[in-house]
Amino acid sequence: MPNWHPLFVHFPLAILTLSAIFDFGGILFKRDDLNRFGWWCLLAGVTGLFVTVTTGLFAEGTVKISAAAQSTFEFHETLAFVVTAGFCSLLLWRVAGKTNLPARLKIAYFALLTIGLVLMWVVAWFGGELVYKYGVGVK
C-alpha cells in the first residue's frame, strides 16, 4: 500500500490557518461573511486532520523508523492526536453555537485556536524532521 500521508499533510495546515485568519478578519472588520468562511475552513480543516491522521497511521506500517527517530516519531504522533482532539473540540463549540463564534467567549476561543495552530505547526515541524533529518519514508 502506498504512503499517502505526505499528500494530505499540507491541507489542514493551510485550511485551519485560513480559518483563524477569516475569523479574526470577521471580528476586526465586523463582517459575518468572513466568519462564515472561517466556519467552513474549520470544518474542512478538521476533516483534513482526520484524513491526515488516518493516512499517518497507515504510513506507520509502511516506513522504517530508526531507533534514533523513534522518540521524534512518538512525539509527532502523540501531539497529532492532541491537536486533532483540540480542533474537534473547537468545531463542536462552533456547532453548539450554530456555527457562529462564541459571543461572550471570543477571547477564549481565539486563545485556544491560536494554541491549536501553534501545536499543529509543531507537529508539522517534527514530521519534517522525521523526513529530512532521519530519512523516514525516503527510499
N, C-alpha and C. Protein backbone atom coordinates (compact mmCIF):
# COMPACT_ATOMS: atom_id res chain seq x y z
N MET A 1 0.85 -1.18 0.00
CA MET A 1 0.00 0.00 0.00
C MET A 1 0.90 1.25 0.00
N PRO A 2 0.60 2.21 -0.85
CA PRO A 2 1.43 3.42 -0.92
C PRO A 2 1.24 4.30 0.32
N ASN A 3 2.23 5.12 0.58
CA ASN A 3 2.18 6.05 1.70
C ASN A 3 1.53 7.35 1.22
N TRP A 4 0.27 7.55 1.57
CA TRP A 4 -0.49 8.72 1.13
C TRP A 4 -0.34 9.91 2.08
N HIS A 5 0.26 9.69 3.24
CA HIS A 5 0.35 10.73 4.26
C HIS A 5 0.96 12.05 3.75
N PRO A 6 2.08 12.00 3.01
CA PRO A 6 2.67 13.27 2.55
C PRO A 6 1.75 14.06 1.61
N LEU A 7 0.84 13.38 0.96
CA LEU A 7 -0.08 14.06 0.05
C LEU A 7 -1.07 14.95 0.80
N PHE A 8 -1.45 14.54 2.01
CA PHE A 8 -2.53 15.21 2.72
C PHE A 8 -2.09 16.17 3.83
N VAL A 9 -0.83 16.08 4.28
CA VAL A 9 -0.43 16.85 5.47
C VAL A 9 -0.56 18.36 5.31
N HIS A 10 -0.43 18.87 4.14
CA HIS A 10 -0.42 20.32 3.95
C HIS A 10 -1.82 20.95 4.00
N PHE A 11 -2.84 20.17 3.69
CA PHE A 11 -4.19 20.73 3.62
C PHE A 11 -4.69 21.25 4.96
N PRO A 12 -4.66 20.44 6.04
CA PRO A 12 -5.15 21.01 7.31
C PRO A 12 -4.29 22.17 7.81
N LEU A 13 -3.00 22.13 7.54
CA LEU A 13 -2.14 23.25 7.94
C LEU A 13 -2.63 24.55 7.32
N ALA A 14 -2.86 24.53 6.03
CA ALA A 14 -3.29 25.73 5.32
C ALA A 14 -4.72 26.11 5.66
N ILE A 15 -5.61 25.14 5.65
CA ILE A 15 -7.04 25.45 5.81
C ILE A 15 -7.36 25.91 7.23
N LEU A 16 -6.74 25.29 8.23
CA LEU A 16 -7.00 25.73 9.61
C LEU A 16 -6.37 27.09 9.89
N THR A 17 -5.25 27.37 9.27
CA THR A 17 -4.66 28.70 9.38
C THR A 17 -5.58 29.74 8.74
N LEU A 18 -6.14 29.40 7.59
CA LEU A 18 -7.11 30.30 6.94
C LEU A 18 -8.35 30.51 7.81
N SER A 19 -8.79 29.46 8.49
CA SER A 19 -9.94 29.58 9.38
C SER A 19 -9.71 30.67 10.41
N ALA A 20 -8.53 30.66 11.02
CA ALA A 20 -8.21 31.67 12.03
C ALA A 20 -8.14 33.06 11.39
N ILE A 21 -7.56 33.15 10.23
CA ILE A 21 -7.45 34.45 9.55
C ILE A 21 -8.83 35.00 9.21
N PHE A 22 -9.70 34.15 8.67
CA PHE A 22 -11.05 34.61 8.33
C PHE A 22 -11.84 35.01 9.57
N ASP A 23 -11.75 34.20 10.64
CA ASP A 23 -12.49 34.53 11.85
C ASP A 23 -11.98 35.83 12.47
N PHE A 24 -10.68 35.97 12.53
CA PHE A 24 -10.12 37.21 13.08
C PHE A 24 -10.51 38.41 12.21
N GLY A 25 -10.44 38.23 10.89
CA GLY A 25 -10.85 39.31 9.99
C GLY A 25 -12.32 39.64 10.13
N GLY A 26 -13.15 38.63 10.35
CA GLY A 26 -14.57 38.87 10.54
C GLY A 26 -14.86 39.71 11.75
N ILE A 27 -14.10 39.48 12.83
CA ILE A 27 -14.29 40.28 14.03
C ILE A 27 -13.70 41.68 13.83
N LEU A 28 -12.52 41.73 13.27
CA LEU A 28 -11.83 43.00 13.08
C LEU A 28 -12.63 43.95 12.19
N PHE A 29 -13.17 43.40 11.08
CA PHE A 29 -13.90 44.23 10.12
C PHE A 29 -15.42 44.14 10.27
N LYS A 30 -15.88 43.39 11.31
CA LYS A 30 -17.31 43.23 11.57
C LYS A 30 -18.05 42.71 10.33
N ARG A 31 -17.52 41.63 9.78
CA ARG A 31 -18.12 41.04 8.58
C ARG A 31 -18.47 39.58 8.84
N ASP A 32 -19.77 39.29 8.82
CA ASP A 32 -20.24 37.93 9.07
C ASP A 32 -19.82 36.95 7.97
N ASP A 33 -19.65 37.47 6.74
CA ASP A 33 -19.26 36.56 5.67
C ASP A 33 -17.87 35.97 5.91
N LEU A 34 -16.97 36.75 6.50
CA LEU A 34 -15.64 36.23 6.83
C LEU A 34 -15.73 35.18 7.93
N ASN A 35 -16.62 35.39 8.90
CA ASN A 35 -16.81 34.38 9.94
C ASN A 35 -17.41 33.10 9.37
N ARG A 36 -18.27 33.21 8.37
CA ARG A 36 -18.81 32.01 7.71
C ARG A 36 -17.69 31.26 6.98
N PHE A 37 -16.82 32.00 6.30
CA PHE A 37 -15.66 31.36 5.66
C PHE A 37 -14.79 30.67 6.71
N GLY A 38 -14.63 31.33 7.86
CA GLY A 38 -13.87 30.73 8.96
C GLY A 38 -14.47 29.42 9.42
N TRP A 39 -15.81 29.39 9.53
CA TRP A 39 -16.50 28.16 9.92
C TRP A 39 -16.27 27.05 8.91
N TRP A 40 -16.45 27.36 7.63
CA TRP A 40 -16.28 26.34 6.60
C TRP A 40 -14.83 25.85 6.53
N CYS A 41 -13.89 26.75 6.75
CA CYS A 41 -12.48 26.34 6.78
C CYS A 41 -12.20 25.46 7.99
N LEU A 42 -12.81 25.78 9.13
CA LEU A 42 -12.64 24.94 10.31
C LEU A 42 -13.18 23.54 10.05
N LEU A 43 -14.36 23.46 9.46
CA LEU A 43 -14.96 22.16 9.15
C LEU A 43 -14.08 21.38 8.16
N ALA A 44 -13.64 22.04 7.11
CA ALA A 44 -12.78 21.37 6.12
C ALA A 44 -11.43 20.99 6.73
N GLY A 45 -10.89 21.86 7.58
CA GLY A 45 -9.60 21.58 8.19
C GLY A 45 -9.65 20.40 9.15
N VAL A 46 -10.70 20.30 9.93
CA VAL A 46 -10.85 19.15 10.84
C VAL A 46 -11.04 17.87 10.04
N THR A 47 -11.80 17.94 8.96
CA THR A 47 -11.93 16.78 8.08
C THR A 47 -10.56 16.39 7.53
N GLY A 48 -9.79 17.39 7.12
CA GLY A 48 -8.43 17.13 6.64
C GLY A 48 -7.53 16.54 7.70
N LEU A 49 -7.71 16.97 8.96
CA LEU A 49 -6.92 16.38 10.05
C LEU A 49 -7.23 14.89 10.20
N PHE A 50 -8.51 14.53 10.11
CA PHE A 50 -8.86 13.11 10.21
C PHE A 50 -8.23 12.30 9.09
N VAL A 51 -8.27 12.83 7.88
CA VAL A 51 -7.66 12.13 6.75
C VAL A 51 -6.15 12.03 6.95
N THR A 52 -5.53 13.11 7.42
CA THR A 52 -4.09 13.14 7.61
C THR A 52 -3.66 12.17 8.71
N VAL A 53 -4.37 12.17 9.82
CA VAL A 53 -4.03 11.25 10.91
C VAL A 53 -4.25 9.80 10.46
N THR A 54 -5.34 9.55 9.75
CA THR A 54 -5.60 8.19 9.28
C THR A 54 -4.52 7.72 8.32
N THR A 55 -4.14 8.56 7.37
CA THR A 55 -3.07 8.16 6.44
C THR A 55 -1.74 8.04 7.16
N GLY A 56 -1.55 8.83 8.22
CA GLY A 56 -0.33 8.70 9.02
C GLY A 56 -0.27 7.37 9.75
N LEU A 57 -1.42 6.92 10.26
CA LEU A 57 -1.45 5.61 10.93
C LEU A 57 -1.16 4.48 9.94
N PHE A 58 -1.70 4.60 8.73
CA PHE A 58 -1.39 3.59 7.71
C PHE A 58 0.08 3.68 7.29
N ALA A 59 0.60 4.89 7.21
CA ALA A 59 2.01 5.08 6.81
C ALA A 59 2.96 4.47 7.81
N GLU A 60 2.58 4.46 9.07
CA GLU A 60 3.43 3.91 10.12
C GLU A 60 3.84 2.46 9.80
N GLY A 61 2.95 1.74 9.17
CA GLY A 61 3.25 0.36 8.83
C GLY A 61 4.03 0.20 7.53
N THR A 62 4.23 1.28 6.81
CA THR A 62 4.90 1.17 5.50
C THR A 62 6.30 1.77 5.49
N VAL A 63 6.71 2.41 6.58
CA VAL A 63 8.02 3.06 6.62
C VAL A 63 8.87 2.45 7.73
N LYS A 64 10.17 2.55 7.54
CA LYS A 64 11.10 2.07 8.56
C LYS A 64 11.50 3.26 9.43
N ILE A 65 11.30 3.10 10.74
CA ILE A 65 11.62 4.17 11.68
C ILE A 65 12.82 3.70 12.49
N SER A 66 13.93 4.39 12.32
CA SER A 66 15.16 4.02 13.02
C SER A 66 15.02 4.27 14.52
N ALA A 67 15.89 3.65 15.28
CA ALA A 67 15.89 3.85 16.73
C ALA A 67 16.13 5.32 17.07
N ALA A 68 16.97 5.99 16.29
CA ALA A 68 17.26 7.40 16.53
C ALA A 68 16.03 8.28 16.31
N ALA A 69 15.15 7.87 15.41
CA ALA A 69 13.96 8.65 15.08
C ALA A 69 12.76 8.29 15.93
N GLN A 70 12.84 7.24 16.71
CA GLN A 70 11.67 6.72 17.42
C GLN A 70 11.03 7.75 18.36
N SER A 71 11.82 8.44 19.17
CA SER A 71 11.22 9.39 20.11
C SER A 71 10.59 10.58 19.37
N THR A 72 11.22 11.01 18.28
CA THR A 72 10.66 12.09 17.47
C THR A 72 9.34 11.64 16.85
N PHE A 73 9.32 10.41 16.37
CA PHE A 73 8.09 9.87 15.77
C PHE A 73 6.96 9.80 16.81
N GLU A 74 7.28 9.28 17.99
CA GLU A 74 6.25 9.15 19.03
C GLU A 74 5.70 10.51 19.45
N PHE A 75 6.57 11.51 19.55
CA PHE A 75 6.13 12.86 19.89
C PHE A 75 5.23 13.40 18.78
N HIS A 76 5.65 13.23 17.53
CA HIS A 76 4.88 13.68 16.37
C HIS A 76 3.48 13.04 16.38
N GLU A 77 3.43 11.75 16.59
CA GLU A 77 2.16 11.03 16.56
C GLU A 77 1.25 11.44 17.73
N THR A 78 1.80 11.49 18.93
CA THR A 78 1.01 11.84 20.11
C THR A 78 0.47 13.26 20.01
N LEU A 79 1.33 14.19 19.63
CA LEU A 79 0.88 15.57 19.50
C LEU A 79 -0.14 15.73 18.39
N ALA A 80 -0.04 14.94 17.33
CA ALA A 80 -1.04 14.98 16.26
C ALA A 80 -2.42 14.58 16.79
N PHE A 81 -2.46 13.57 17.66
CA PHE A 81 -3.74 13.18 18.28
C PHE A 81 -4.29 14.30 19.16
N VAL A 82 -3.42 14.94 19.93
CA VAL A 82 -3.84 16.03 20.81
C VAL A 82 -4.39 17.20 19.99
N VAL A 83 -3.68 17.56 18.92
CA VAL A 83 -4.11 18.66 18.06
C VAL A 83 -5.45 18.34 17.41
N THR A 84 -5.62 17.12 16.93
CA THR A 84 -6.88 16.73 16.31
C THR A 84 -8.02 16.82 17.32
N ALA A 85 -7.79 16.33 18.52
CA ALA A 85 -8.83 16.42 19.56
C ALA A 85 -9.16 17.88 19.89
N GLY A 86 -8.14 18.72 19.94
CA GLY A 86 -8.37 20.13 20.23
C GLY A 86 -9.20 20.82 19.16
N PHE A 87 -8.86 20.57 17.90
CA PHE A 87 -9.63 21.20 16.83
C PHE A 87 -11.04 20.62 16.74
N CYS A 88 -11.20 19.34 17.06
CA CYS A 88 -12.55 18.76 17.12
C CYS A 88 -13.38 19.46 18.19
N SER A 89 -12.74 19.77 19.31
CA SER A 89 -13.44 20.49 20.39
C SER A 89 -13.87 21.88 19.93
N LEU A 90 -12.98 22.58 19.22
CA LEU A 90 -13.35 23.89 18.69
C LEU A 90 -14.49 23.78 17.68
N LEU A 91 -14.44 22.75 16.85
CA LEU A 91 -15.52 22.53 15.88
C LEU A 91 -16.84 22.29 16.61
N LEU A 92 -16.82 21.45 17.63
CA LEU A 92 -18.05 21.18 18.38
C LEU A 92 -18.56 22.43 19.09
N TRP A 93 -17.64 23.26 19.55
CA TRP A 93 -18.01 24.53 20.17
C TRP A 93 -18.76 25.39 19.16
N ARG A 94 -18.24 25.42 17.94
CA ARG A 94 -18.91 26.21 16.89
C ARG A 94 -20.26 25.59 16.52
N VAL A 95 -20.33 24.26 16.47
CA VAL A 95 -21.60 23.59 16.16
C VAL A 95 -22.64 23.92 17.23
N ALA A 96 -22.21 23.89 18.50
CA ALA A 96 -23.13 24.23 19.60
C ALA A 96 -23.63 25.66 19.48
N GLY A 97 -22.84 26.53 18.91
CA GLY A 97 -23.24 27.92 18.70
C GLY A 97 -23.86 28.15 17.34
N LYS A 98 -24.33 27.08 16.71
CA LYS A 98 -24.93 27.15 15.37
C LYS A 98 -23.97 27.77 14.36
N THR A 99 -22.72 27.36 14.44
CA THR A 99 -21.59 27.72 13.57
C THR A 99 -21.06 29.13 13.79
N ASN A 100 -21.67 29.87 14.71
CA ASN A 100 -21.20 31.22 14.99
C ASN A 100 -20.05 31.19 16.00
N LEU A 101 -19.24 32.22 15.98
CA LEU A 101 -18.23 32.36 17.01
C LEU A 101 -18.92 32.58 18.35
N PRO A 102 -18.35 32.06 19.44
CA PRO A 102 -18.99 32.28 20.74
C PRO A 102 -19.07 33.77 21.06
N ALA A 103 -20.25 34.22 21.43
CA ALA A 103 -20.48 35.65 21.61
C ALA A 103 -19.66 36.24 22.75
N ARG A 104 -19.69 35.63 23.92
CA ARG A 104 -19.02 36.22 25.08
C ARG A 104 -17.63 35.64 25.31
N LEU A 105 -17.29 34.59 24.64
CA LEU A 105 -16.02 33.91 24.90
C LEU A 105 -15.08 33.94 23.70
N LYS A 106 -15.16 35.00 22.92
CA LYS A 106 -14.33 35.09 21.72
C LYS A 106 -12.85 35.06 22.06
N ILE A 107 -12.44 35.71 23.14
CA ILE A 107 -11.02 35.73 23.51
C ILE A 107 -10.56 34.32 23.86
N ALA A 108 -11.38 33.58 24.61
CA ALA A 108 -11.03 32.20 24.96
C ALA A 108 -10.97 31.33 23.70
N TYR A 109 -11.93 31.52 22.81
CA TYR A 109 -11.94 30.75 21.56
C TYR A 109 -10.67 31.02 20.75
N PHE A 110 -10.32 32.30 20.60
CA PHE A 110 -9.13 32.64 19.81
C PHE A 110 -7.85 32.21 20.50
N ALA A 111 -7.83 32.22 21.82
CA ALA A 111 -6.65 31.72 22.53
C ALA A 111 -6.46 30.23 22.26
N LEU A 112 -7.54 29.47 22.35
CA LEU A 112 -7.45 28.02 22.08
C LEU A 112 -7.13 27.75 20.61
N LEU A 113 -7.71 28.54 19.72
CA LEU A 113 -7.42 28.39 18.31
C LEU A 113 -5.95 28.67 18.02
N THR A 114 -5.42 29.70 18.63
CA THR A 114 -4.00 30.04 18.44
C THR A 114 -3.09 28.94 19.00
N ILE A 115 -3.42 28.44 20.17
CA ILE A 115 -2.64 27.34 20.74
C ILE A 115 -2.70 26.13 19.82
N GLY A 116 -3.88 25.84 19.30
CA GLY A 116 -4.03 24.71 18.37
C GLY A 116 -3.19 24.88 17.12
N LEU A 117 -3.19 26.10 16.58
CA LEU A 117 -2.39 26.36 15.38
C LEU A 117 -0.90 26.20 15.66
N VAL A 118 -0.44 26.74 16.77
CA VAL A 118 0.98 26.62 17.12
C VAL A 118 1.35 25.15 17.28
N LEU A 119 0.54 24.40 18.00
CA LEU A 119 0.83 22.98 18.19
C LEU A 119 0.78 22.20 16.88
N MET A 120 -0.16 22.57 16.00
CA MET A 120 -0.24 21.90 14.71
C MET A 120 1.03 22.15 13.89
N TRP A 121 1.55 23.37 13.94
CA TRP A 121 2.79 23.67 13.22
C TRP A 121 3.98 22.97 13.86
N VAL A 122 3.93 22.74 15.17
CA VAL A 122 4.98 21.96 15.84
C VAL A 122 4.93 20.51 15.35
N VAL A 123 3.72 19.96 15.24
CA VAL A 123 3.57 18.61 14.68
C VAL A 123 4.18 18.55 13.29
N ALA A 124 3.90 19.55 12.48
CA ALA A 124 4.44 19.59 11.12
C ALA A 124 5.97 19.66 11.14
N TRP A 125 6.50 20.47 12.05
CA TRP A 125 7.95 20.59 12.16
C TRP A 125 8.59 19.23 12.45
N PHE A 126 8.03 18.51 13.42
CA PHE A 126 8.59 17.21 13.76
C PHE A 126 8.37 16.19 12.65
N GLY A 127 7.29 16.32 11.90
CA GLY A 127 7.12 15.47 10.72
C GLY A 127 8.21 15.74 9.69
N GLY A 128 8.53 17.01 9.50
CA GLY A 128 9.62 17.37 8.61
C GLY A 128 10.96 16.84 9.11
N GLU A 129 11.17 16.89 10.42
CA GLU A 129 12.39 16.33 11.00
C GLU A 129 12.50 14.83 10.69
N LEU A 130 11.37 14.14 10.79
CA LEU A 130 11.38 12.70 10.51
C LEU A 130 11.84 12.43 9.08
N VAL A 131 11.38 13.24 8.16
CA VAL A 131 11.74 13.03 6.75
C VAL A 131 13.14 13.54 6.45
N TYR A 132 13.40 14.80 6.79
CA TYR A 132 14.64 15.44 6.33
C TYR A 132 15.86 15.19 7.20
N LYS A 133 15.64 14.91 8.47
CA LYS A 133 16.77 14.63 9.36
C LYS A 133 17.03 13.13 9.48
N TYR A 134 15.94 12.34 9.59
CA TYR A 134 16.09 10.92 9.82
C TYR A 134 15.82 10.07 8.58
N GLY A 135 15.29 10.67 7.53
CA GLY A 135 15.04 9.93 6.29
C GLY A 135 13.88 8.97 6.34
N VAL A 136 12.95 9.17 7.27
CA VAL A 136 11.79 8.29 7.36
C VAL A 136 10.92 8.46 6.12
N GLY A 137 10.60 7.38 5.48
CA GLY A 137 9.76 7.40 4.29
C GLY A 137 10.50 7.72 3.02
N VAL A 138 11.82 7.93 3.10
CA VAL A 138 12.62 8.24 1.92
C VAL A 138 13.32 6.97 1.48
N LYS A 139 13.17 6.64 0.22
CA LYS A 139 13.81 5.42 -0.28
C LYS A 139 15.19 5.69 -0.82
